[in-house]
């Protein structure tokens, strides 16, 4: 009798678990009540979604999110790293570069994935709890005033009215950064130990030379390094150029093997709707429209979008290398935004999408700050990707 009861209980539990799994799978959608029903193929652990708010610092948020997943993947624990520490140190080097180039280069809130290895190797890194970067009376990031003040200072220095640069301009520039972002402590306590930024970077043990940037454009030879010609690439860092099909395969293989990816892309398209949890390239884009505008640093990507392609999966354009190149050459694909691939799903028609972790907080869509990017969208709108070299095929690693 007891055995019969036990067997019955096991059967009931199994049926309940099966039904729960079905329900859980059925609720993996692009939004509440959305017509896209996703099946999870791969999910890579990531830290909590952050909010860059009114700043153009997505490059720091996304690249550090990627590095945080790398720490988890490598068994080094879960850590929340300071985006504003990286932003602060990048500003210092951008300023020197801007002055040396007589103001004829970019000085703005933007940056690129290359900035993170650059800063970590040169200056180390800090946990977020040790450097919040909020020293200007607000509880959310907003760099509009700070950027204007900093650039005004640098432009005045470049005018060079006294005939030569003073020895004080760098100290004055850093004093402004101290007032807005806060002074950088020489040491800090974290998890019961004392570190400097450099010793903390050493403690984490990430080798910045293990991270590579890949892209795909025909105005440079394939299988060579080239400087990515976007304004925010202020250090003129290089990416490794591969054909489009190979770039797409690298990304899918990497994610399916447990490697997350930093993704730099254009998000200004009508088919990008963070509110709807989707990034698409529909065959018929005439059915899409944007309503209103949002923060300029989001390139209106957060504006409300409408159109039947967001209702349920439909046909998308087949992206070629030529289409991708023409979009870049004609400024239709620009370096808008940095994000983080943390998985892969398929919809009810078998189409694949990357799971994308964003840095616009968790209140602006029904996916807790994530969204789903279709393969055609990624093929057309990717500027570059960052990933660990171990995620690459062996033959490509040799070419690198």
Protein backbone atom coordinates (compact mmCIF):
# COMPACT_ATOMS: atom_id res chain seq x y z
CA UNK A 1 0.00 0.00 0.00
CA UNK A 2 2.78 2.41 0.94
CA UNK A 3 4.59 1.57 -2.31
CA UNK A 4 1.42 2.29 -4.31
CA UNK A 5 1.00 5.63 -2.55
CA UNK A 6 4.67 6.44 -3.23
CA UNK A 7 4.38 5.55 -6.92
CA UNK A 8 1.20 7.61 -7.24
CA UNK A 9 2.86 10.58 -5.56
CA UNK A 10 5.83 10.33 -7.90
CA UNK A 11 3.55 10.20 -10.94
CA UNK A 12 1.53 13.19 -9.75
CA UNK A 13 4.72 15.15 -9.02
CA UNK A 14 6.10 14.29 -12.45
CA UNK A 15 2.92 15.38 -14.18
CA UNK A 16 2.89 18.62 -12.17
CA UNK A 17 6.55 19.29 -13.03
CA UNK A 18 5.89 18.57 -16.72
CA UNK A 19 2.90 20.92 -16.75
CA UNK A 20 4.94 23.57 -14.92
CA UNK A 21 7.70 23.30 -17.53
CA UNK A 22 5.16 23.64 -20.33
CA UNK A 23 3.64 26.69 -18.70
CA UNK A 24 7.06 28.21 -18.04
CA UNK A 25 8.05 27.64 -21.65
CA UNK A 26 4.76 29.09 -22.86
CA UNK A 27 5.29 32.28 -20.86
CA UNK A 28 8.73 32.95 -22.37
CA UNK A 29 7.47 35.73 -24.59
CA UNK A 30 8.61 39.07 -25.93
CA UNK A 31 6.09 40.83 -23.67
CA UNK A 32 2.98 40.10 -21.65
CA UNK A 33 0.47 38.58 -24.05
CA UNK A 34 3.00 38.91 -26.88
CA UNK A 35 2.74 36.79 -30.00
CA UNK A 36 6.36 35.61 -29.94
CA UNK A 37 6.65 32.36 -27.98
CA UNK A 38 10.26 31.39 -27.35
CA UNK A 39 11.96 28.10 -26.55
CA UNK A 40 15.20 28.48 -24.62
CA UNK A 41 18.25 26.90 -26.26
CA UNK A 42 21.00 28.42 -24.12
CA UNK A 43 21.02 30.68 -21.07
CA UNK A 44 24.29 32.12 -19.73
CA UNK A 45 24.42 33.46 -16.18
CA UNK A 46 24.67 37.22 -15.86
CA UNK A 47 24.58 39.82 -13.12
CA UNK A 48 21.60 42.11 -12.47
CA UNK A 49 20.45 44.55 -15.16
CA UNK A 50 21.74 48.07 -14.55
CA UNK A 51 20.50 51.50 -15.64
CA UNK A 52 22.80 53.88 -17.49
CA UNK A 53 19.97 56.44 -17.31
CA UNK A 54 20.74 59.78 -18.99
CA UNK A 55 24.27 58.97 -20.09
CA UNK A 56 26.02 57.76 -23.21
CA UNK A 57 28.02 55.19 -21.26
CA UNK A 58 26.41 51.98 -22.56
CA UNK A 59 29.87 50.82 -23.67
CA UNK A 60 30.99 50.61 -20.03
CA UNK A 61 27.77 49.00 -18.75
CA UNK A 62 27.67 46.36 -21.47
CA UNK A 63 31.37 45.53 -21.50
CA UNK A 64 31.49 45.21 -17.71
CA UNK A 65 28.34 43.07 -17.76
CA UNK A 66 30.20 40.85 -20.22
CA UNK A 67 33.26 40.77 -17.97
CA UNK A 68 31.07 39.91 -14.96
CA UNK A 69 29.68 36.92 -16.85
CA UNK A 70 33.23 35.96 -17.72
CA UNK A 71 34.14 35.96 -14.03
CA UNK A 72 31.20 33.63 -13.37
CA UNK A 73 32.12 31.38 -16.30
CA UNK A 74 35.72 31.12 -15.13
CA UNK A 75 34.70 30.22 -11.59
CA UNK A 76 35.90 33.49 -10.07
CA UNK A 77 32.62 34.36 -8.38
CA UNK A 78 29.91 36.94 -8.93
CA UNK A 79 31.10 40.55 -8.75
CA UNK A 80 29.47 43.87 -9.62
CA UNK A 81 32.13 46.07 -11.19
CA UNK A 82 32.09 49.86 -11.25
CA UNK A 83 31.02 51.28 -14.60
CA UNK A 84 31.77 54.81 -13.44
CA UNK A 85 35.33 53.99 -12.47
CA UNK A 86 35.96 52.93 -16.06
CA UNK A 87 34.13 56.00 -17.37
CA UNK A 88 36.18 58.26 -15.09
CA UNK A 89 39.57 56.87 -16.17
CA UNK A 90 38.52 56.87 -19.83
CA UNK A 91 37.61 60.56 -19.54
CA UNK A 92 41.11 61.31 -18.30
CA UNK A 93 42.75 59.66 -21.30
CA UNK A 94 40.17 61.06 -23.74
CA UNK A 95 41.00 64.55 -22.48
CA UNK A 96 44.72 64.17 -23.15
CA UNK A 97 44.01 62.71 -26.58
CA UNK A 98 41.60 65.54 -27.40
CA UNK A 99 44.11 68.23 -26.43
CA UNK A 100 46.97 66.55 -28.30
CA UNK A 101 44.77 66.38 -31.40
CA UNK A 102 43.92 70.12 -31.11
CA UNK A 103 40.26 69.22 -30.59
CA UNK A 104 40.05 67.46 -33.97
CA UNK A 105 38.93 64.15 -32.50
CA UNK A 106 35.96 62.96 -30.50
CA UNK A 107 35.36 63.98 -26.90
CA UNK A 108 31.99 62.81 -25.65
CA UNK A 109 30.27 60.39 -23.29
CA UNK A 110 30.61 57.58 -25.84
CA UNK A 111 33.22 54.89 -25.98
CA UNK A 112 33.85 51.39 -27.28
CA UNK A 113 34.45 47.90 -25.93
CA UNK A 114 38.20 48.40 -26.36
CA UNK A 115 38.09 50.99 -23.59
CA UNK A 116 37.55 48.37 -20.89
CA UNK A 117 40.76 46.34 -21.49
CA UNK A 118 42.57 49.66 -21.97
CA UNK A 119 41.45 50.97 -18.57
CA UNK A 120 41.81 47.71 -16.65
CA UNK A 121 45.35 47.10 -17.89
CA UNK A 122 46.43 50.69 -17.24
CA UNK A 123 44.45 51.61 -14.11
CA UNK A 124 42.86 48.47 -12.67
CA UNK A 125 39.20 48.15 -11.71
CA UNK A 126 36.95 48.65 -8.68
CA UNK A 127 33.73 47.04 -7.46
CA UNK A 128 30.63 49.19 -7.83
CA UNK A 129 30.13 49.45 -4.08
CA UNK A 130 33.53 51.16 -3.77
CA UNK A 131 32.93 53.71 -6.54
CA UNK A 132 29.36 54.69 -7.37
CA UNK A 133 30.18 57.75 -9.49
CA UNK A 134 27.23 59.74 -8.11
CA UNK A 135 28.66 62.82 -6.42
CA UNK A 136 26.47 65.53 -7.90
CA UNK A 137 23.20 65.46 -5.99
CA UNK A 138 21.29 62.97 -8.16
CA UNK A 139 20.40 59.36 -7.42
CA UNK A 140 20.63 58.29 -11.08
CA UNK A 141 23.37 58.84 -13.64
CA UNK A 142 23.10 61.98 -15.78
CA UNK A 143 26.26 63.32 -17.43
CA UNK A 144 24.83 66.11 -19.57
CA UNK A 145 26.10 68.99 -17.41
CA UNK A 146 29.40 67.28 -16.64
CA UNK A 147 30.15 66.63 -20.31
CA UNK A 148 29.44 70.25 -21.23
CA UNK A 149 31.68 71.55 -18.44
CA UNK A 150 34.53 69.19 -19.28
CA UNK A 151 34.44 69.88 -23.00
CA UNK A 152 34.25 73.63 -22.39
CA UNK A 153 37.38 73.42 -20.27
CA UNK A 154 39.27 71.44 -22.89
CA UNK A 155 38.24 73.76 -25.72
CA UNK A 156 39.52 76.70 -23.66
CA UNK A 157 42.83 74.90 -23.10
CA UNK A 158 43.17 74.19 -26.82
CA UNK A 159 42.64 77.88 -27.70
CA UNK A 160 45.95 78.37 -25.88
CA UNK A 161 45.56 82.11 -25.32
CA UNK A 162 48.73 82.39 -23.25
CA UNK A 163 50.94 80.90 -25.98
CA UNK A 164 51.67 77.57 -24.31
CA UNK A 165 49.77 75.02 -22.25
CA UNK A 166 49.93 75.46 -18.51
CA UNK A 167 50.93 72.74 -16.08
CA UNK A 168 47.54 73.04 -14.38
CA UNK A 169 44.93 72.02 -16.94
CA UNK A 170 45.02 68.29 -16.16
CA UNK A 171 44.70 68.89 -12.42
CA UNK A 172 41.79 71.27 -13.06
CA UNK A 173 40.10 68.71 -15.33
CA UNK A 174 40.47 65.96 -12.72
CA UNK A 175 39.13 68.27 -10.02
CA UNK A 176 35.92 68.64 -12.03
CA UNK A 177 35.69 64.86 -12.36
CA UNK A 178 36.17 64.60 -8.60
CA UNK A 179 33.25 66.94 -8.02
CA UNK A 180 30.88 65.07 -10.33
CA UNK A 181 31.94 61.44 -9.99
CA UNK A 182 33.82 61.54 -6.70
CA UNK A 183 37.54 61.24 -5.88
CA UNK A 184 39.03 57.82 -6.53
CA UNK A 185 40.22 56.21 -3.28
CA UNK A 186 43.73 54.84 -3.28
CA UNK A 187 42.50 51.74 -1.43
CA UNK A 188 39.10 50.28 -0.55
CA UNK A 189 37.68 47.38 1.44
CA UNK A 190 35.82 44.61 -0.35
CA UNK A 191 34.66 41.30 1.09
CA UNK A 192 36.85 41.74 4.15
CA UNK A 193 40.08 42.62 2.33
CA UNK A 194 41.79 45.83 1.28
CA UNK A 195 42.67 46.47 -2.35
CA UNK A 196 43.89 49.13 -4.71
CA UNK A 197 42.30 49.24 -8.18
CA UNK A 198 45.33 47.43 -9.63
CA UNK A 199 45.50 44.77 -6.91
CA UNK A 200 41.75 44.16 -7.28
CA UNK A 201 42.20 43.62 -11.01
CA UNK A 202 44.97 41.14 -10.23
CA UNK A 203 42.74 39.42 -7.68
CA UNK A 204 39.99 38.96 -10.28
CA UNK A 205 42.53 37.39 -12.60
CA UNK A 206 41.02 38.31 -15.96
CA UNK A 207 43.66 38.46 -18.69
CA UNK A 208 42.66 41.38 -20.90
CA UNK A 209 44.80 40.00 -23.72
CA UNK A 210 42.38 37.07 -23.97
CA UNK A 211 39.60 39.29 -25.31
CA UNK A 212 39.23 39.97 -29.00
CA UNK A 213 36.98 42.20 -31.10
CA UNK A 214 35.52 40.83 -34.34
CA UNK A 215 33.75 42.64 -37.17
CA UNK A 216 32.79 42.15 -40.82
CA UNK A 217 33.17 44.82 -43.49
CA UNK A 218 34.41 44.70 -47.08
CA UNK A 219 36.25 48.02 -47.15
CA UNK A 220 39.14 46.19 -45.44
CA UNK A 221 40.61 42.79 -46.33
CA UNK A 222 39.22 39.80 -44.49
CA UNK A 223 41.41 38.12 -41.85
CA UNK A 224 43.25 41.34 -41.06
CA UNK A 225 43.00 43.84 -38.23
CA UNK A 226 41.54 47.26 -39.01
CA UNK A 227 40.69 50.41 -37.09
CA UNK A 228 36.91 50.56 -36.61
CA UNK A 229 35.91 53.90 -38.14
CA UNK A 230 33.29 55.10 -35.68
CA UNK A 231 33.52 58.37 -33.73
CA UNK A 232 33.49 56.73 -30.31
CA UNK A 233 36.62 54.69 -31.11
CA UNK A 234 38.77 57.47 -29.69
CA UNK A 235 41.81 55.22 -29.11
CA UNK A 236 41.69 53.94 -32.72
CA UNK A 237 41.58 50.35 -31.59
CA UNK A 238 41.32 47.51 -34.10
CA UNK A 239 38.92 44.67 -34.83
CA UNK A 240 39.62 41.45 -36.70
CA UNK A 241 37.71 41.31 -39.98
CA UNK A 242 35.88 38.14 -41.07
CA UNK A 243 33.14 37.40 -43.63
CA UNK A 244 29.57 37.90 -42.47
CA UNK A 245 28.62 34.23 -42.44
CA UNK A 246 31.65 33.47 -40.32
CA UNK A 247 30.91 36.28 -37.89
CA UNK A 248 27.37 34.96 -37.40
CA UNK A 249 28.59 31.40 -36.90
CA UNK A 250 31.20 32.55 -34.39
CA UNK A 251 28.48 34.20 -32.31
CA UNK A 252 26.09 31.24 -32.35
CA UNK A 253 28.81 28.72 -31.55
CA UNK A 254 30.20 30.89 -28.77
CA UNK A 255 26.85 31.29 -27.02
CA UNK A 256 25.91 27.63 -27.39
CA UNK A 257 29.27 26.74 -25.81
CA UNK A 258 28.64 28.98 -22.80
CA UNK A 259 30.54 32.12 -23.88
CA UNK A 260 28.61 35.38 -23.66
CA UNK A 261 29.36 38.24 -26.06
CA UNK A 262 29.62 42.02 -25.94
CA UNK A 263 27.56 43.42 -28.82
CA UNK A 264 28.01 46.90 -30.36
CA UNK A 265 25.22 47.71 -32.79
CA UNK A 266 22.83 50.20 -34.35
CA UNK A 267 19.50 50.38 -32.49
CA UNK A 268 17.90 53.29 -34.34
CA UNK A 269 15.90 51.08 -36.73
CA UNK A 270 12.11 50.98 -36.85
CA UNK A 271 12.41 47.24 -36.25
CA UNK A 272 14.11 47.81 -32.90
CA UNK A 273 11.52 48.04 -30.14
CA UNK A 274 12.79 47.66 -26.61
CA UNK A 275 9.25 48.10 -25.31
CA UNK A 276 8.17 45.11 -27.40
CA UNK A 277 11.28 43.14 -26.47
CA UNK A 278 12.32 42.69 -30.11
CA UNK A 279 14.88 43.71 -32.74
CA UNK A 280 13.78 42.69 -36.24
CA UNK A 281 14.35 43.39 -39.95
CA UNK A 282 10.89 42.72 -41.43
CA UNK A 283 10.57 42.17 -45.17
CA UNK A 284 7.97 44.93 -45.31
CA UNK A 285 9.16 47.81 -43.14
CA UNK A 286 6.33 50.03 -44.36
CA UNK A 287 4.17 48.42 -41.67
CA UNK A 288 6.40 49.90 -38.95
CA UNK A 289 6.38 53.38 -37.49
CA UNK A 290 7.97 55.24 -34.58
CA UNK A 291 5.94 57.41 -32.23
CA UNK A 292 7.68 60.20 -30.35
CA UNK A 293 11.29 60.54 -29.30
CA UNK A 294 13.39 59.70 -26.26
CA UNK A 295 16.83 60.42 -24.84
CA UNK A 296 19.30 61.38 -27.61
CA UNK A 297 21.84 58.90 -26.26
CA UNK A 298 19.37 56.13 -27.07
CA UNK A 299 18.98 57.43 -30.67
CA UNK A 300 15.22 57.22 -30.12
CA UNK A 301 15.56 53.46 -29.75
CA UNK A 302 13.38 53.62 -26.67
CA UNK A 303 10.59 55.47 -28.48
CA UNK A 304 7.29 53.68 -28.90
CA UNK A 305 7.08 51.57 -32.07
CA UNK A 306 4.01 50.19 -33.78
CA UNK A 307 3.44 47.64 -36.54
CA UNK A 308 2.18 44.14 -37.22
CA UNK A 309 5.72 42.63 -37.28
CA UNK A 310 5.77 43.06 -33.49
CA UNK A 311 2.55 41.02 -33.14
CA UNK A 312 3.86 37.61 -34.25
CA UNK A 313 6.83 36.15 -36.18
CA UNK A 314 6.84 36.97 -39.86
CA UNK A 315 9.28 36.98 -42.79
CA UNK A 316 12.48 38.98 -42.40
CA UNK A 317 14.98 40.18 -44.98
CA UNK A 318 17.81 37.90 -46.02
CA UNK A 319 20.94 39.90 -45.16
CA UNK A 320 23.95 39.86 -47.49
CA UNK A 321 27.46 41.19 -47.04
CA UNK A 322 26.67 43.89 -49.61
CA UNK A 323 23.56 45.07 -47.75
CA UNK A 324 25.51 45.25 -44.54
CA UNK A 325 28.33 47.25 -46.13
CA UNK A 326 26.00 49.70 -47.86
CA UNK A 327 24.19 50.39 -44.59
CA UNK A 328 27.49 51.18 -42.86
CA UNK A 329 28.85 53.28 -45.74
CA UNK A 330 25.68 55.39 -45.87
CA UNK A 331 25.50 56.03 -42.10
CA UNK A 332 22.39 53.84 -41.83
CA UNK A 333 24.33 51.59 -39.45
CA UNK A 334 26.04 53.68 -36.78
CA UNK A 335 27.69 52.89 -33.48
CA UNK A 336 24.64 53.55 -31.32
CA UNK A 337 24.68 51.18 -28.43
CA UNK A 338 26.60 48.50 -26.51
CA UNK A 339 24.75 45.42 -25.20
CA UNK A 340 25.42 41.87 -24.00
CA UNK A 341 24.38 38.52 -25.53
CA UNK A 342 23.55 36.05 -22.77
CA UNK A 343 21.71 33.26 -24.57
CA UNK A 344 19.81 31.92 -27.56
CA UNK A 345 16.13 31.13 -28.19
CA UNK A 346 13.93 29.99 -31.05
CA UNK A 347 10.41 31.20 -31.75
CA UNK A 348 7.40 29.02 -32.59
CA UNK A 349 8.43 29.05 -36.28
CA UNK A 350 11.99 27.93 -35.60
CA UNK A 351 13.67 31.32 -36.08
CA UNK A 352 16.67 31.99 -33.83
CA UNK A 353 17.25 35.06 -31.65
CA UNK A 354 19.99 36.14 -29.29
CA UNK A 355 18.94 37.00 -25.75
CA UNK A 356 20.21 40.53 -25.17
CA UNK A 357 20.88 42.11 -21.80
CA UNK A 358 20.42 45.87 -21.97
CA UNK A 359 21.36 48.71 -19.59
CA UNK A 360 18.11 50.68 -19.56
CA UNK A 361 16.85 49.34 -16.25
CA UNK A 362 14.07 46.80 -15.72
CA UNK A 363 10.97 49.01 -15.86
CA UNK A 364 10.86 49.85 -19.57
CA UNK A 365 9.69 46.50 -20.95
CA UNK A 366 8.18 43.20 -19.82
CA UNK A 367 11.41 41.22 -20.18
CA UNK A 368 13.11 42.59 -17.05
CA UNK A 369 15.45 44.71 -19.12
CA UNK A 370 16.31 42.04 -21.72
CA UNK A 371 15.10 41.69 -25.31
CA UNK A 372 15.41 39.32 -28.29
CA UNK A 373 17.43 40.18 -31.43
CA UNK A 374 16.75 38.20 -34.60
CA UNK A 375 19.61 36.79 -36.66
CA UNK A 376 18.87 39.12 -39.62
CA UNK A 377 19.00 42.12 -37.29
CA UNK A 378 22.33 41.01 -35.82
CA UNK A 379 23.73 40.32 -39.30
CA UNK A 380 22.76 43.74 -40.62
CA UNK A 381 23.31 46.01 -37.63
CA UNK A 382 26.36 44.69 -35.78
CA UNK A 383 29.31 47.06 -35.61
CA UNK A 384 31.54 44.68 -33.66
CA UNK A 385 31.53 41.99 -31.01
CA UNK A 386 33.86 41.24 -28.09
CA UNK A 387 34.43 37.73 -26.79
CA UNK A 388 37.03 35.46 -25.22
CA UNK A 389 39.49 34.02 -27.73
CA UNK A 390 38.71 30.50 -26.49
CA UNK A 391 35.24 30.91 -28.00
CA UNK A 392 36.77 31.12 -31.50
CA UNK A 393 37.38 28.18 -33.84
CA UNK A 394 40.94 26.89 -33.71
CA UNK A 395 41.77 27.96 -37.28
CA UNK A 396 40.60 31.53 -36.61
CA UNK A 397 42.61 31.72 -33.39
CA UNK A 398 45.69 30.85 -35.44
CA UNK A 399 44.91 33.65 -37.93
CA UNK A 400 44.57 36.10 -35.04
